[in-house]
C-alpha atoms as a PDB file:
ATOM      1  CA  MET A   1     -11.942  30.421 -63.265  1.00  0.00           C
ATOM      2  CA  LEU A   2     -10.198  27.041 -64.116  1.00  0.00           C
ATOM      3  CA  ASN A   3      -7.885  27.669 -61.410  1.00  0.00           C
ATOM      4  CA  SER A   4     -10.454  28.419 -59.026  1.00  0.00           C
ATOM      5  CA  PHE A   5     -12.259  25.108 -59.729  1.00  0.00           C
ATOM      6  CA  ARG A   6      -8.945  23.096 -59.504  1.00  0.00           C
ATOM      7  CA  LEU A   7      -8.246  24.688 -56.095  1.00  0.00           C
ATOM      8  CA  SER A   8     -11.809  23.730 -54.974  1.00  0.00           C
ATOM      9  CA  PHE A   9     -11.489  20.260 -56.258  1.00  0.00           C
ATOM     10  CA  ARG A  10      -8.158  19.962 -54.195  1.00  0.00           C
ATOM     11  CA  SER A  11      -9.916  21.294 -51.432  1.00  0.00           C
ATOM     12  CA  VAL A  12     -12.541  18.482 -51.570  1.00  0.00           C
ATOM     13  CA  SER A  13     -10.218  15.866 -52.457  1.00  0.00           C
ATOM     14  CA  TYR A  14      -8.203  16.888 -49.410  1.00  0.00           C
ATOM     15  CA  PHE A  15     -11.222  16.912 -47.066  1.00  0.00           C
ATOM     16  CA  HIS A  16     -12.470  13.564 -48.456  1.00  0.00           C
ATOM     17  CA  PHE A  17      -9.050  11.953 -47.651  1.00  0.00           C
ATOM     18  CA  ASP A  18      -8.901  13.646 -44.307  1.00  0.00           C
ATOM     19  CA  TYR A  19     -12.228  12.349 -43.575  1.00  0.00           C
ATOM     20  CA  ASN A  20     -11.313   8.869 -44.368  1.00  0.00           C
ATOM     21  CA  SER A  21      -8.245   9.147 -42.234  1.00  0.00           C
ATOM     22  CA  MET A  22     -10.116  10.143 -39.457  1.00  0.00           C
ATOM     23  CA  LYS A  23     -12.583   7.193 -39.663  1.00  0.00           C
ATOM     24  CA  VAL A  24      -9.778   4.627 -39.674  1.00  0.00           C
ATOM     25  CA  SER A  25      -8.008   6.482 -36.824  1.00  0.00           C
ATOM     26  CA  LEU A  26     -11.298   6.473 -34.798  1.00  0.00           C
ATOM     27  CA  VAL A  27     -11.715   2.655 -35.544  1.00  0.00           C
ATOM     28  CA  CYS A  28      -8.202   1.862 -34.528  1.00  0.00           C
ATOM     29  CA  ILE A  29      -8.652   3.917 -31.150  1.00  0.00           C
ATOM     30  CA  PHE A  30     -11.933   2.065 -30.468  1.00  0.00           C
ATOM     31  CA  PHE A  31     -10.342  -1.278 -30.848  1.00  0.00           C
ATOM     32  CA  VAL A  32      -7.103  -0.473 -28.926  1.00  0.00           C
ATOM     33  CA  THR A  33      -9.366   0.882 -26.126  1.00  0.00           C
ATOM     34  CA  LEU A  34     -11.463  -2.346 -25.971  1.00  0.00           C
ATOM     35  CA  VAL A  35      -8.389  -4.624 -26.122  1.00  0.00           C
ATOM     36  CA  LEU A  36      -6.829  -2.737 -23.269  1.00  0.00           C
ATOM     37  CA  THR A  37     -10.207  -2.644 -21.346  1.00  0.00           C
ATOM     38  CA  ALA A  38     -10.600  -6.281 -21.705  1.00  0.00           C
ATOM     39  CA  THR A  39      -7.157  -6.965 -20.468  1.00  0.00           C
ATOM     40  CA  TYR A  40      -7.488  -4.776 -17.644  1.00  0.00           C
ATOM     41  CA  PHE A  41     -10.741  -6.463 -16.381  1.00  0.00           C
ATOM     42  CA  GLY A  42      -8.962  -9.975 -17.135  1.00  0.00           C
ATOM     43  CA  PHE A  43      -6.195  -9.134 -15.028  1.00  0.00           C
ATOM     44  CA  SER A  44      -7.992  -7.770 -12.129  1.00  0.00           C
ATOM     45  CA  GLN A  45     -10.285 -10.894 -12.251  1.00  0.00           C
ATOM     46  CA  THR A  46      -7.186 -13.437 -12.166  1.00  0.00           C
ATOM     47  CA  ARG A  47      -5.425 -11.278  -9.402  1.00  0.00           C
ATOM     48  CA  ARG A  48      -7.943 -10.295  -7.012  1.00  0.00           C
ATOM     49  CA  LEU A  49      -6.727  -9.665  -3.790  1.00  0.00           C
ATOM     50  CA  LEU A  50      -8.245 -11.437  -0.787  1.00  0.00           C
ATOM     51  CA  PRO A  51      -8.745  -8.988   2.317  1.00  0.00           C
ATOM     52  CA  PRO A  52      -6.958  -9.410   5.604  1.00  0.00           C
ATOM     53  CA  MET A  53      -8.567 -12.220   7.753  1.00  0.00           C
ATOM     54  CA  GLU A  54      -8.438 -12.924  11.406  1.00  0.00           C
ATOM     55  CA  ASN A  55      -9.715 -16.514  11.289  1.00  0.00           C
ATOM     56  CA  PRO A  56      -9.539 -17.850   7.614  1.00  0.00           C
ATOM     57  CA  HIS A  57     -10.657 -21.404   7.097  1.00  0.00           C
ATOM     58  CA  LEU A  58     -11.913 -23.614   4.110  1.00  0.00           C
ATOM     59  CA  VAL A  59     -15.201 -25.329   3.309  1.00  0.00           C
ATOM     60  CA  ILE A  60     -15.308 -27.912   0.348  1.00  0.00           C
ATOM     61  CA  LYS A  61     -18.589 -29.065  -0.984  1.00  0.00           C
ATOM     62  CA  LYS A  62     -17.695 -31.921  -3.255  1.00  0.00           C
ATOM     63  CA  LYS A  63     -21.124 -32.419  -4.776  1.00  0.00           C
ATOM     64  CA  LYS A  64     -21.211 -28.503  -5.876  1.00  0.00           C
ATOM     65  CA  ARG A  65     -17.350 -28.900  -6.883  1.00  0.00           C
ATOM     66  CA  LEU A  66     -17.063 -25.779  -4.740  1.00  0.00           C
ATOM     67  CA  LEU A  67     -14.382 -24.437  -2.520  1.00  0.00           C
ATOM     68  CA  GLU A  68     -15.163 -21.657   0.099  1.00  0.00           C
ATOM     69  CA  ILE A  69     -13.101 -19.458   1.838  1.00  0.00           C
ATOM     70  CA  PHE A  70     -14.398 -18.147   5.352  1.00  0.00           C
ATOM     71  CA  ASP A  71     -13.304 -15.459   7.782  1.00  0.00           C
ATOM     72  CA  GLY A  72     -14.913 -16.669  11.030  1.00  0.00           C
ATOM     73  CA  GLU A  73     -18.523 -17.072   9.987  1.00  0.00           C
ATOM     74  CA  LYS A  74     -18.201 -14.755   7.007  1.00  0.00           C
ATOM     75  CA  LEU A  75     -18.066 -16.136   3.382  1.00  0.00           C
ATOM     76  CA  VAL A  76     -15.152 -14.352   1.638  1.00  0.00           C
ATOM     77  CA  ARG A  77     -14.952 -16.110  -1.770  1.00  0.00           C
ATOM     78  CA  GLN A  78     -15.904 -19.161  -3.815  1.00  0.00           C
ATOM     79  CA  TYR A  79     -14.113 -20.996  -6.218  1.00  0.00           C
ATOM     80  CA  LYS A  80     -14.711 -24.023  -8.967  1.00  0.00           C
ATOM     81  CA  ILE A  81     -12.736 -27.200  -8.060  1.00  0.00           C
ATOM     82  CA  VAL A  82     -12.584 -30.419  -9.473  1.00  0.00           C
ATOM     83  CA  LEU A  83     -11.826 -33.902  -7.558  1.00  0.00           C
ATOM     84  CA  GLY A  84     -10.312 -37.227  -7.452  1.00  0.00           C
ATOM     85  CA  PHE A  85     -10.944 -39.378 -10.582  1.00  0.00           C
ATOM     86  CA  SER A  86     -13.422 -41.486  -8.721  1.00  0.00           C
ATOM     87  CA  ALA A  87     -15.058 -38.471  -6.859  1.00  0.00           C
ATOM     88  CA  LYS A  88     -18.340 -40.240  -5.398  1.00  0.00           C
ATOM     89  CA  GLY A  89     -17.963 -41.196  -1.750  1.00  0.00           C
ATOM     90  CA  ASP A  90     -15.568 -40.847   1.008  1.00  0.00           C
ATOM     91  CA  LYS A  91     -11.847 -42.010   0.632  1.00  0.00           C
ATOM     92  CA  GLN A  92     -11.307 -45.407   1.902  1.00  0.00           C
ATOM     93  CA  ILE A  93      -7.976 -46.773   0.865  1.00  0.00           C
ATOM     94  CA  GLU A  94      -4.893 -45.978  -1.228  1.00  0.00           C
ATOM     95  CA  GLY A  95      -5.253 -45.544  -4.776  1.00  0.00           C
ATOM     96  CA  ASP A  96      -9.225 -45.541  -4.859  1.00  0.00           C
ATOM     97  CA  GLY A  97      -9.038 -42.120  -6.643  1.00  0.00           C
ATOM     98  CA  ARG A  98     -11.364 -40.483  -4.067  1.00  0.00           C
ATOM     99  CA  THR A  99     -11.261 -37.247  -2.401  1.00  0.00           C
ATOM    100  CA  PRO A 100     -11.722 -37.686   1.626  1.00  0.00           C
ATOM    101  CA  GLU A 101     -14.488 -36.328   3.689  1.00  0.00           C
ATOM    102  CA  GLY A 102     -14.364 -34.714   7.215  1.00  0.00           C
ATOM    103  CA  GLU A 103     -12.509 -32.477   9.155  1.00  0.00           C
ATOM    104  CA  PHE A 104      -8.615 -31.627   8.454  1.00  0.00           C
ATOM    105  CA  TYR A 105      -6.221 -28.961   8.844  1.00  0.00           C
ATOM    106  CA  VAL A 106      -3.579 -27.652   6.706  1.00  0.00           C
ATOM    107  CA  PHE A 107      -0.160 -29.145   7.919  1.00  0.00           C
ATOM    108  CA  THR A 108       2.398 -27.757   5.184  1.00  0.00           C
ATOM    109  CA  LYS A 109       2.531 -25.346   2.302  1.00  0.00           C
ATOM    110  CA  ASN A 110       4.491 -26.111  -0.652  1.00  0.00           C
ATOM    111  CA  PRO A 111       5.723 -23.424  -2.901  1.00  0.00           C
ATOM    112  CA  GLU A 112       7.292 -25.863  -5.301  1.00  0.00           C
ATOM    113  CA  SER A 113       4.499 -28.248  -5.913  1.00  0.00           C
ATOM    114  CA  LYS A 114       4.292 -30.242  -9.262  1.00  0.00           C
ATOM    115  CA  PHE A 115       0.885 -28.395  -9.626  1.00  0.00           C
ATOM    116  CA  HIS A 116       1.917 -24.703  -9.220  1.00  0.00           C
ATOM    117  CA  LEU A 117       1.354 -24.319  -5.520  1.00  0.00           C
ATOM    118  CA  SER A 118      -0.214 -26.795  -2.731  1.00  0.00           C
ATOM    119  CA  LEU A 119      -1.567 -26.992   0.784  1.00  0.00           C
ATOM    120  CA  GLY A 120      -1.425 -30.274   2.435  1.00  0.00           C
ATOM    121  CA  LEU A 121      -4.256 -31.717   4.275  1.00  0.00           C
ATOM    122  CA  SER A 122      -4.125 -33.985   7.513  1.00  0.00           C
ATOM    123  CA  TYR A 123      -5.547 -36.863   5.972  1.00  0.00           C
ATOM    124  CA  PRO A 124      -5.929 -39.656   7.336  1.00  0.00           C
ATOM    125  CA  ASN A 125      -7.540 -38.170  10.281  1.00  0.00           C
ATOM    126  CA  GLN A 126      -8.677 -39.779  13.776  1.00  0.00           C
ATOM    127  CA  GLU A 127     -11.951 -41.176  12.007  1.00  0.00           C
ATOM    128  CA  ASP A 128     -10.085 -42.657   9.384  1.00  0.00           C
ATOM    129  CA  ALA A 129      -7.535 -44.322  11.705  1.00  0.00           C
ATOM    130  CA  LYS A 130     -10.398 -45.709  13.953  1.00  0.00           C
ATOM    131  CA  ARG A 131     -12.030 -47.214  10.763  1.00  0.00           C
ATOM    132  CA  GLY A 132      -8.725 -48.402   9.517  1.00  0.00           C
ATOM    133  CA  LEU A 133      -7.941 -50.150  12.596  1.00  0.00           C
ATOM    134  CA  LYS A 134     -11.378 -51.682  12.829  1.00  0.00           C
ATOM    135  CA  GLU A 135     -11.412 -53.104   9.466  1.00  0.00           C
ATOM    136  CA  LYS A 136      -7.709 -54.130   9.627  1.00  0.00           C
ATOM    137  CA  ILE A 137      -6.570 -51.898   6.908  1.00  0.00           C
ATOM    138  CA  ILE A 138      -3.733 -50.442   9.253  1.00  0.00           C
ATOM    139  CA  LEU A 139      -1.656 -51.994  11.943  1.00  0.00           C
ATOM    140  CA  PRO A 140      -2.168 -50.839  15.729  1.00  0.00           C
ATOM    141  CA  GLU A 141       1.288 -49.009  15.437  1.00  0.00           C
ATOM    142  CA  GLU A 142       0.056 -47.059  12.463  1.00  0.00           C
ATOM    143  CA  TYR A 143      -3.141 -46.226  14.245  1.00  0.00           C
ATOM    144  CA  ASP A 144      -1.126 -44.676  17.069  1.00  0.00           C
ATOM    145  CA  ALA A 145       1.195 -42.704  15.074  1.00  0.00           C
ATOM    146  CA  ILE A 146      -1.730 -41.223  13.312  1.00  0.00           C
ATOM    147  CA  ILE A 147      -3.635 -40.262  16.611  1.00  0.00           C
ATOM    148  CA  LYS A 148      -0.386 -38.754  17.828  1.00  0.00           C
ATOM    149  CA  ALA A 149       0.013 -36.568  14.668  1.00  0.00           C
ATOM    150  CA  ILE A 150      -3.494 -35.267  14.575  1.00  0.00           C
ATOM    151  CA  GLU A 151      -3.332 -34.565  18.487  1.00  0.00           C
ATOM    152  CA  GLU A 152       0.101 -32.530  17.834  1.00  0.00           C
ATOM    153  CA  LYS A 153      -1.225 -31.052  14.605  1.00  0.00           C
ATOM    154  CA  GLN A 154       1.587 -32.517  12.820  1.00  0.00           C
ATOM    155  CA  MET A 155       1.755 -34.475   9.427  1.00  0.00           C
ATOM    156  CA  PRO A 156      -0.087 -37.841   9.833  1.00  0.00           C
ATOM    157  CA  PRO A 157       1.623 -40.855   8.249  1.00  0.00           C
ATOM    158  CA  GLN A 158       1.204 -40.538   4.345  1.00  0.00           C
ATOM    159  CA  LYS A 159       2.181 -44.113   3.195  1.00  0.00           C
ATOM    160  CA  THR A 160      -0.401 -46.367   5.028  1.00  0.00           C
ATOM    161  CA  ALA A 161      -2.888 -48.507   3.325  1.00  0.00           C
ATOM    162  CA  LEU A 162      -5.460 -45.552   3.983  1.00  0.00           C
ATOM    163  CA  GLY A 163      -3.590 -43.668   1.439  1.00  0.00           C
ATOM    164  CA  GLY A 164      -2.233 -39.993   2.108  1.00  0.00           C
ATOM    165  CA  GLU A 165      -0.582 -36.992   0.206  1.00  0.00           C
ATOM    166  CA  ILE A 166      -3.974 -35.217  -0.160  1.00  0.00           C
ATOM    167  CA  TYR A 167      -3.601 -31.633  -1.337  1.00  0.00           C
ATOM    168  CA  ILE A 168      -5.307 -28.652  -2.560  1.00  0.00           C
ATOM    169  CA  HIS A 169      -3.259 -27.562  -5.661  1.00  0.00           C
ATOM    170  CA  GLY A 170      -3.275 -25.896  -9.030  1.00  0.00           C
ATOM    171  CA  GLY A 171      -3.308 -27.461 -12.417  1.00  0.00           C
ATOM    172  CA  GLY A 172      -6.685 -26.901 -13.791  1.00  0.00           C
ATOM    173  CA  THR A 173     -10.506 -27.614 -13.483  1.00  0.00           C
ATOM    174  CA  ALA A 174     -11.527 -29.083 -16.964  1.00  0.00           C
ATOM    175  CA  ASN A 175     -12.461 -32.494 -15.308  1.00  0.00           C
ATOM    176  CA  ASP A 176     -12.086 -34.594 -12.115  1.00  0.00           C
ATOM    177  CA  TRP A 177      -8.661 -35.815 -12.799  1.00  0.00           C
ATOM    178  CA  THR A 178      -6.594 -35.812  -9.368  1.00  0.00           C
ATOM    179  CA  ASP A 179      -5.511 -38.967  -7.443  1.00  0.00           C
ATOM    180  CA  GLY A 180      -8.002 -37.682  -4.565  1.00  0.00           C
ATOM    181  CA  CYS A 181      -6.710 -34.106  -4.287  1.00  0.00           C
ATOM    182  CA  VAL A 182      -8.673 -30.823  -4.717  1.00  0.00           C
ATOM    183  CA  ALA A 183      -7.499 -28.874  -7.720  1.00  0.00           C
ATOM    184  CA  LEU A 184      -8.005 -25.168  -9.049  1.00  0.00           C
ATOM    185  CA  GLN A 185      -7.136 -22.949 -11.539  1.00  0.00           C
ATOM    186  CA  ASN A 186      -3.409 -21.680 -10.895  1.00  0.00           C
ATOM    187  CA  GLU A 187      -4.124 -18.174 -10.297  1.00  0.00           C
ATOM    188  CA  GLU A 188      -6.844 -18.919  -8.060  1.00  0.00           C
ATOM    189  CA  MET A 189      -4.681 -21.317  -6.282  1.00  0.00           C
ATOM    190  CA  LYS A 190      -2.174 -18.470  -5.719  1.00  0.00           C
ATOM    191  CA  GLU A 191      -4.916 -16.272  -3.884  1.00  0.00           C
ATOM    192  CA  ILE A 192      -5.754 -19.191  -1.711  1.00  0.00           C
ATOM    193  CA  PHE A 193      -1.867 -20.239  -0.921  1.00  0.00           C
ATOM    194  CA  ASP A 194      -1.181 -16.636   0.121  1.00  0.00           C
ATOM    195  CA  ALA A 195      -4.216 -16.275   2.299  1.00  0.00           C
ATOM    196  CA  ILE A 196      -4.484 -19.617   4.196  1.00  0.00           C
ATOM    197  CA  PRO A 197      -1.722 -20.290   6.894  1.00  0.00           C
ATOM    198  CA  VAL A 198      -0.595 -23.771   8.080  1.00  0.00           C
ATOM    199  CA  GLY A 199      -3.017 -24.903  10.805  1.00  0.00           C
ATOM    200  CA  ALA A 200      -6.220 -23.446   9.188  1.00  0.00           C
ATOM    201  CA  LYS A 201      -9.214 -25.922   9.503  1.00  0.00           C
ATOM    202  CA  VAL A 202     -10.857 -27.538   6.359  1.00  0.00           C
ATOM    203  CA  LYS A 203     -14.085 -29.164   6.243  1.00  0.00           C
ATOM    204  CA  ILE A 204     -14.705 -31.396   3.305  1.00  0.00           C
ATOM    205  CA  PHE A 205     -18.366 -32.284   2.836  1.00  0.00           C
ATOM    206  CA  PRO A 206     -20.041 -34.902   0.389  1.00  0.00           C
END
């Protein structure tokens, strides 16, 4: 009878040990599954593919800190952005820290940007050139060069007193930190860089 009791005790002890081991295993499996699921969804959100587009163009709403991708009239995607360190108002001159407003186009794509990737915007445009000439900010020959570049869909002069080198680029969206450019998170800039061709229209609203 003593032997039977010892056998029963060992069976109970083994069962208790096995039950605890099973609980630990289930908890481990749960947390591993949770981590893998979070990683998958995080990866999916940061590497979203934009659909093929026939007529992609960008709309930037400064007040809302929002960049929108359109395909024709259809809104495809929205992104949070930040602006120049003095974001209120239209850009006037070099060094004012403002992001320009108006209609532009992408004149270049830079895969080796200091800020991950970048799209160059055709600032100053014709309206900026007219204002600059009227207010004697630029010379007549600079005005002519800007007008000619815009008519030919080329890069306008970037070193006049009106300022230049306005890009959409990566670098983060913690605060308005650029010198007048539009900045996004790097992974989102990759999506835009891949989808937007040279020549695409860009409208920037206040």
